[in-house]
């Protein structure tokens, strides 16, 4: 049960605070991370789904 709740909470928090995270990184490194973040999110979701099947 915990293997379903922890990733869901993490993903929810990332989605909830995405603008603040993006703004902080833009101020620090002067890069927008929308595309990089979306790719990383899909990779994490893919890894979670892969682990659930095996």
Protein backbone atom coordinates (compact mmCIF):
# COMPACT_ATOMS: atom_id res chain seq x y z
CA UNK A 1 0.00 0.00 0.00
CA UNK A 2 2.83 2.41 0.83
CA UNK A 3 4.41 1.89 -2.60
CA UNK A 4 1.30 3.48 -4.12
CA UNK A 5 0.89 6.33 -1.66
CA UNK A 6 4.44 7.71 -1.54
CA UNK A 7 4.88 8.22 -5.33
CA UNK A 8 1.37 9.67 -5.57
CA UNK A 9 2.13 12.20 -2.83
CA UNK A 10 5.46 13.14 -4.41
CA UNK A 11 3.91 13.63 -7.84
CA UNK A 12 1.05 15.63 -6.31
CA UNK A 13 3.48 17.96 -4.52
CA UNK A 14 5.55 18.46 -7.67
CA UNK A 15 2.43 19.36 -9.64
CA UNK A 16 1.14 21.61 -6.87
CA UNK A 17 4.36 23.61 -6.49
CA UNK A 18 5.57 23.44 -10.11
CA UNK A 19 5.45 27.21 -10.69
CA UNK A 20 7.47 27.95 -7.55
CA UNK A 21 10.03 25.27 -8.39
CA UNK A 22 10.33 26.57 -11.95
CA UNK A 23 10.69 30.17 -10.77
CA UNK A 24 13.44 29.32 -8.25
CA UNK A 25 15.44 27.37 -10.83
CA UNK A 26 14.99 30.15 -13.40
CA UNK A 27 16.29 32.74 -10.93
CA UNK A 28 19.28 30.60 -9.97
CA UNK A 29 20.35 29.13 -13.35
CA UNK A 30 18.44 31.27 -15.89
CA UNK A 31 16.95 28.18 -17.55
CA UNK A 32 13.32 27.25 -17.91
CA UNK A 33 12.84 23.59 -17.05
CA UNK A 34 9.39 22.91 -18.44
CA UNK A 35 10.49 20.44 -21.11
CA UNK A 36 13.19 18.86 -18.98
CA UNK A 37 10.75 18.50 -16.08
CA UNK A 38 8.09 16.92 -18.24
CA UNK A 39 10.56 14.38 -19.63
CA UNK A 40 11.83 13.53 -16.13
CA UNK A 41 8.26 13.20 -14.86
CA UNK A 42 7.40 10.75 -17.63
CA UNK A 43 10.56 8.75 -16.93
CA UNK A 44 9.69 8.53 -13.24
CA UNK A 45 6.12 7.51 -14.02
CA UNK A 46 7.40 4.91 -16.47
CA UNK A 47 9.79 3.50 -13.87
CA UNK A 48 7.00 3.30 -11.29
CA UNK A 49 4.68 1.54 -13.71
CA UNK A 50 7.47 -0.82 -14.75
CA UNK A 51 8.14 -1.71 -11.11
CA UNK A 52 4.47 -2.33 -10.49
CA UNK A 53 4.31 -4.89 -13.28
CA UNK A 54 7.32 -6.92 -12.10
